[in-house]
Protein backbone atom coordinates (compact mmCIF):
# COMPACT_ATOMS: atom_id res chain seq x y z
CA MET A 1 -145.35 132.26 142.96
CA GLY A 2 -141.68 131.46 143.18
CA THR A 3 -138.96 134.07 143.32
CA LEU A 4 -137.38 133.03 140.02
CA THR A 5 -140.73 133.18 138.24
CA LYS A 6 -141.37 136.63 139.66
CA ILE A 7 -137.91 137.85 138.61
CA LYS A 8 -138.46 136.51 135.08
CA GLN A 9 -141.83 138.26 134.82
CA GLU A 10 -140.39 141.53 136.09
CA PHE A 11 -137.50 141.31 133.62
CA ILE A 12 -139.94 140.67 130.78
CA ILE A 13 -142.02 143.71 131.76
CA ILE A 14 -138.95 145.97 131.81
CA ALA A 15 -137.62 144.51 128.54
CA LEU A 16 -140.98 144.99 126.78
CA CYS A 17 -141.19 148.58 128.01
CA HIS A 18 -137.66 149.19 126.74
CA LEU A 19 -138.53 147.60 123.39
CA LEU A 20 -141.68 149.69 123.12
CA GLU A 21 -139.73 152.87 123.84
CA HIS A 22 -136.96 152.26 121.32
CA ALA A 23 -138.48 150.17 118.55
CA VAL A 24 -142.02 151.50 118.39
CA MET A 25 -141.81 155.06 119.68
CA GLY A 26 -138.27 155.72 118.46
CA ALA A 27 -137.20 157.41 121.67
CA GLY A 28 -133.42 157.33 121.97
CA SER A 29 -132.73 158.57 125.47
CA ILE A 30 -136.21 158.76 126.99
CA THR A 31 -136.76 155.89 129.42
CA LEU A 32 -140.13 156.87 130.84
CA LEU A 33 -141.85 153.50 130.39
CA SER A 34 -139.01 151.25 131.46
CA GLY A 35 -138.01 153.63 134.25
CA GLY A 36 -141.59 153.84 135.50
CA ALA A 37 -141.98 150.07 135.37
CA THR A 38 -138.72 149.66 137.28
CA VAL A 39 -139.85 152.10 139.98
CA LEU A 40 -143.19 150.31 140.38
CA ILE A 41 -141.50 146.93 140.62
CA CYS A 42 -138.98 148.22 143.18
CA LEU A 43 -141.72 149.78 145.32
CA THR A 44 -143.72 146.56 145.17
CA GLU A 45 -140.70 144.56 146.29
CA LEU A 46 -139.98 147.08 149.08
CA TRP A 47 -143.56 146.69 150.27
CA SER A 48 -143.17 142.90 150.20
CA ILE A 49 -139.98 143.10 152.28
CA ILE A 50 -141.70 145.32 154.84
CA GLU A 51 -144.64 142.89 155.06
CA ASN A 52 -142.24 139.98 155.59
CA LEU A 53 -140.37 141.88 158.31
CA ASN A 54 -143.69 142.74 159.94
CA THR A 55 -144.61 139.05 159.93
CA LEU A 56 -141.36 138.18 161.71
CA ASP A 57 -141.61 140.98 164.30
CA PRO A 58 -144.87 142.99 164.36
CA THR A 59 -143.43 145.49 166.88
CA GLY A 60 -140.42 146.40 164.73
CA PRO A 61 -139.50 149.88 163.49
CA TRP A 62 -140.70 149.12 159.94
CA LYS A 63 -144.29 149.58 161.14
CA ILE A 64 -143.78 153.35 160.89
CA LEU A 65 -142.38 153.03 157.35
CA LYS A 66 -145.35 150.84 156.33
CA LYS A 67 -147.85 153.41 157.64
CA TYR A 68 -146.00 156.21 155.83
CA LEU A 69 -145.88 154.31 152.52
CA LYS A 70 -149.56 153.34 152.85
CA LYS A 71 -150.62 156.95 153.45
CA LYS A 72 -148.49 158.34 150.59
CA GLY A 73 -149.73 155.62 148.22
CA GLU A 74 -153.35 156.28 149.16
CA ASP A 75 -152.89 160.01 148.63
CA TYR A 76 -151.16 159.53 145.28
CA VAL A 77 -153.67 157.05 143.86
CA GLY A 78 -156.75 158.60 145.50
CA ILE A 79 -158.04 155.50 147.29
CA GLU A 80 -158.26 154.36 150.90
CA LEU A 81 -157.22 150.84 151.85
CA GLU A 82 -158.77 149.11 154.84
CA PHE A 83 -157.20 146.01 156.36
CA ASP A 84 -158.64 143.46 158.78
CA GLU A 85 -156.91 142.40 162.01
CA ASP A 86 -154.88 139.76 160.13
CA GLY A 87 -153.40 142.39 157.83
CA LYS A 88 -155.36 141.20 154.80
CA LEU A 89 -157.02 143.71 152.48
CA ASP A 90 -160.62 144.13 153.57
CA ASN A 91 -162.00 147.06 151.58
CA VAL A 92 -160.90 149.62 149.00
CA ARG A 93 -162.81 152.85 148.64
CA THR A 94 -162.25 155.94 146.56
CA LYS A 95 -161.31 159.07 148.48
CA LYS A 96 -163.47 162.10 147.98
CA ARG A 97 -161.75 165.16 146.58
CA GLU A 98 -161.88 167.07 149.89
CA ASP A 99 -160.46 164.02 151.73
CA ALA A 100 -157.46 163.94 149.37
CA ASP A 101 -156.67 167.62 149.97
CA LYS A 102 -156.27 167.17 153.75
């Protein structure tokens, strides 16, 4: 997927969330949907940048940031991601309740 296509799709998502907030729900100053969509898009792009930097230099300092973001994301969503040696997603499993509390 090209960068321009991705930017257009992200803009459409944010615009539709904004339209839903103001036209359908009638919320004047509440930007929960569009703000949440923007945060998710920004975090996805940050993750993509870190993966690209890791591809260029696997021993770089962003490896620590990637591990931190992976752990926080797993804890927040309640899943555990397993990757193979190539860095591709291998398995996704749901964390048990006692695993999430650790």
